[in-house]
C-alpha cells in the first residue's frame, strides 16, 4: 500500500514530452527555475527536499543508468537534475549502509535543494537514461518531502522506464 502521511497529497504524473537530458549536461543541483523570480536581482529562497525513489520488486527492476528528475510546482518548475552519489543518503532504515542506488525493491533517499520557491509540488518528470534493453528501472513510486514544511507528496508510477520493457518510454 501507499505510505500514509498527515497532509499527504496524491500527486499526478505528468505524461508529457520532456526534452532529452544529455549525459554531458553540467550538473546544476541549484536548478535555475523558470517563472519564480520576483523583482530585479531578487534572491530566491533555498528550499530543501527529500526525494525517495522506490524501485519495484520485479526481475531486473534495478538500474545503473542515470536517473533525472524535474519538479513541477504551482509557481514554476525546476531544471531537470541528476539523482546521484552526491545527494544520495547511503544509510538504510536499519542503520546499515547501502552499496548501490536503485536496486530492486529498494527505497533510495536523496537530499536536494532548489533555489526557488516552487510552491506545492504538483507533478514530476522522471527520466532514466537507459539505452540498452533491460538497462532501465521499474519505478514503483516517487515520494517528495518538503523538509521545511513537512508536506509529503506521493507519485505512483508502477511502470518501466526502459527502451524495451512496458511502453518503451524512458521518461514520464
Protein backbone atom coordinates (compact mmCIF):
# COMPACT_ATOMS: atom_id res chain seq x y z
CA UNK A 1 0.00 0.00 0.00
CA UNK A 2 0.89 3.63 -0.18
CA UNK A 3 2.67 5.35 2.70
CA UNK A 4 0.14 7.43 4.56
CA UNK A 5 1.38 10.71 5.95
CA UNK A 6 -0.54 13.53 7.52
CA UNK A 7 -1.35 16.21 4.99
CA UNK A 8 -0.31 13.92 2.17
CA UNK A 9 -1.45 14.90 -1.30
CA UNK A 10 -1.90 12.38 -4.07
CA UNK A 11 0.22 13.76 -6.89
CA UNK A 12 -0.38 13.30 -10.58
CA UNK A 13 2.19 12.04 -13.03
CA UNK A 14 2.71 14.41 -15.92
CA UNK A 15 2.76 12.35 -19.11
CA UNK A 16 4.21 14.86 -21.49
CA UNK A 17 7.22 15.20 -23.70
CA UNK A 18 10.33 16.16 -21.86
CA UNK A 19 13.31 17.18 -23.99
CA UNK A 20 16.10 14.61 -23.70
CA UNK A 21 18.62 15.26 -20.97
CA UNK A 22 22.14 14.93 -22.31
CA UNK A 23 24.65 12.95 -20.27
CA UNK A 24 27.04 15.83 -20.85
CA UNK A 25 24.73 18.37 -19.24
CA UNK A 26 26.58 20.02 -16.35
CA UNK A 27 25.06 19.05 -13.02
CA UNK A 28 23.27 22.05 -11.64
CA UNK A 29 21.72 20.96 -8.38
CA UNK A 30 20.60 24.52 -7.76
CA UNK A 31 18.31 24.30 -10.74
CA UNK A 32 17.72 27.72 -12.28
CA UNK A 33 13.97 27.98 -12.18
CA UNK A 34 11.50 29.38 -14.68
CA UNK A 35 8.82 31.79 -13.58
CA UNK A 36 9.67 32.22 -9.92
CA UNK A 37 11.96 35.25 -9.62
CA UNK A 38 10.38 38.45 -8.31
CA UNK A 39 11.89 41.88 -8.90
CA UNK A 40 15.36 42.91 -10.10
CA UNK A 41 18.18 40.91 -8.54
CA UNK A 42 15.75 39.01 -6.33
CA UNK A 43 17.50 36.28 -4.36
CA UNK A 44 15.32 33.18 -4.48
CA UNK A 45 14.76 31.18 -1.32
CA UNK A 46 16.68 27.92 -0.95
CA UNK A 47 14.27 25.07 -0.25
CA UNK A 48 15.27 21.59 0.93
CA UNK A 49 13.58 18.41 -0.29
CA UNK A 50 13.95 14.72 0.38
CA UNK A 51 13.23 12.64 -2.73
CA UNK A 52 12.52 8.92 -2.26
CA UNK A 53 12.81 6.72 -5.35
CA UNK A 54 11.16 3.34 -4.73
CA UNK A 55 12.26 0.63 -7.16
CA UNK A 56 9.75 -2.16 -7.79
CA UNK A 57 10.10 -5.81 -6.84
CA UNK A 58 10.50 -7.23 -10.35
CA UNK A 59 13.26 -9.21 -12.02
CA UNK A 60 15.81 -6.71 -13.42
CA UNK A 61 13.92 -3.81 -11.79
CA UNK A 62 17.10 -2.01 -10.70
CA UNK A 63 19.34 0.17 -12.86
CA UNK A 64 22.86 1.54 -13.09
CA UNK A 65 21.73 4.16 -15.61
CA UNK A 66 21.48 7.82 -14.58
CA UNK A 67 18.10 8.95 -13.24
CA UNK A 68 16.98 12.55 -13.65
CA UNK A 69 14.03 14.28 -12.05
CA UNK A 70 12.31 17.61 -12.55
CA UNK A 71 9.91 19.17 -10.04
CA UNK A 72 6.76 20.83 -11.37
CA UNK A 73 5.38 23.28 -8.82
CA UNK A 74 2.45 25.68 -8.59
CA UNK A 75 4.77 28.64 -9.26
CA UNK A 76 7.25 27.14 -11.72
CA UNK A 77 9.43 24.15 -12.44
CA UNK A 78 12.99 23.24 -11.59
CA UNK A 79 15.63 22.27 -14.10
CA UNK A 80 16.00 18.51 -14.50
CA UNK A 81 18.71 17.31 -12.12
CA UNK A 82 20.58 14.08 -11.70
CA UNK A 83 19.91 11.95 -8.61
CA UNK A 84 23.46 10.80 -7.99
CA UNK A 85 26.04 9.87 -5.35
CA UNK A 86 26.43 13.46 -4.19
CA UNK A 87 22.90 13.74 -2.82
CA UNK A 88 22.24 10.04 -2.09
CA UNK A 89 21.58 9.03 1.52
CA UNK A 90 23.61 5.85 1.99
CA UNK A 91 22.11 4.69 5.27
CA UNK A 92 19.16 2.33 5.18
CA UNK A 93 16.30 2.27 7.71
CA UNK A 94 18.15 -0.17 9.95
CA UNK A 95 21.27 1.99 10.14
CA UNK A 96 23.20 -0.24 7.72
CA UNK A 97 24.93 1.06 4.63
CA UNK A 98 23.60 0.53 1.13
CA UNK A 99 26.06 -0.43 -1.56
CA UNK A 100 24.27 0.78 -4.70
CA UNK A 101 21.46 3.10 -5.69
CA UNK A 102 18.30 1.98 -7.50
CA UNK A 103 18.38 -1.72 -6.61
CA UNK A 104 15.36 -4.00 -6.85
CA UNK A 105 12.80 -3.47 -4.05
CA UNK A 106 14.88 -0.67 -2.51
CA UNK A 107 13.90 2.85 -1.45
CA UNK A 108 16.63 5.44 -2.00
CA UNK A 109 16.60 8.88 -0.42
CA UNK A 110 18.22 11.96 -1.97
CA UNK A 111 18.50 15.34 -0.23
CA UNK A 112 18.30 18.17 -2.74
CA UNK A 113 17.95 21.94 -2.63
CA UNK A 114 16.12 24.09 -5.15
CA UNK A 115 16.98 27.80 -5.19
CA UNK A 116 13.42 28.95 -5.70
CA UNK A 117 10.00 28.65 -4.15
CA UNK A 118 8.10 26.36 -6.49
CA UNK A 119 5.08 26.28 -4.20
CA UNK A 120 3.44 22.88 -3.78
CA UNK A 121 4.95 20.16 -5.93
CA UNK A 122 2.11 19.15 -8.25
CA UNK A 123 3.94 16.94 -10.73
CA UNK A 124 7.22 15.36 -11.71
CA UNK A 125 9.10 14.48 -14.83
CA UNK A 126 11.38 11.46 -14.41
CA UNK A 127 13.89 10.16 -16.92
CA UNK A 128 16.06 7.04 -16.78
CA UNK A 129 18.91 7.48 -19.26
CA UNK A 130 18.83 3.81 -20.30
CA UNK A 131 19.98 2.92 -23.80
CA UNK A 132 20.12 -0.87 -23.82
CA UNK A 133 17.16 -3.19 -23.27
CA UNK A 134 16.59 -4.06 -19.61
CA UNK A 135 19.05 -1.36 -18.55
CA UNK A 136 16.17 0.76 -17.24
CA UNK A 137 14.29 0.84 -13.95
CA UNK A 138 10.90 -0.43 -12.81
CA UNK A 139 9.72 2.58 -10.85
CA UNK A 140 7.16 1.84 -8.15
CA UNK A 141 6.72 5.38 -6.87
CA UNK A 142 8.42 8.65 -6.04
CA UNK A 143 7.82 10.42 -2.74
CA UNK A 144 8.77 14.05 -2.27
CA UNK A 145 9.04 15.55 1.21
CA UNK A 146 9.33 19.32 1.69
CA UNK A 147 11.71 19.42 4.64
CA UNK A 148 10.81 23.00 5.60
CA UNK A 149 7.01 22.49 5.65
CA UNK A 150 6.71 18.75 6.33
CA UNK A 151 4.44 18.35 3.28
CA UNK A 152 4.74 14.92 1.70
CA UNK A 153 3.54 14.02 -1.80
CA UNK A 154 3.41 10.53 -3.30
CA UNK A 155 3.52 9.94 -7.06
CA UNK A 156 2.55 6.40 -8.09
CA UNK A 157 4.19 5.06 -11.21
CA UNK A 158 4.24 1.25 -11.34
CA UNK A 159 5.83 1.14 -14.78
CA UNK A 160 9.10 0.56 -16.61
CA UNK A 161 11.38 3.36 -17.73
CA UNK A 162 13.20 1.15 -20.21
CA UNK A 163 13.66 1.13 -24.01
CA UNK A 164 12.32 -2.44 -24.31
CA UNK A 165 10.07 -3.15 -21.32
CA UNK A 166 6.48 -1.97 -20.92
CA UNK A 167 5.65 1.01 -23.12
CA UNK A 168 9.30 1.50 -24.11
CA UNK A 169 9.28 5.03 -22.66
CA UNK A 170 12.29 6.10 -20.64
CA UNK A 171 10.65 9.32 -19.48
CA UNK A 172 7.49 10.00 -17.52
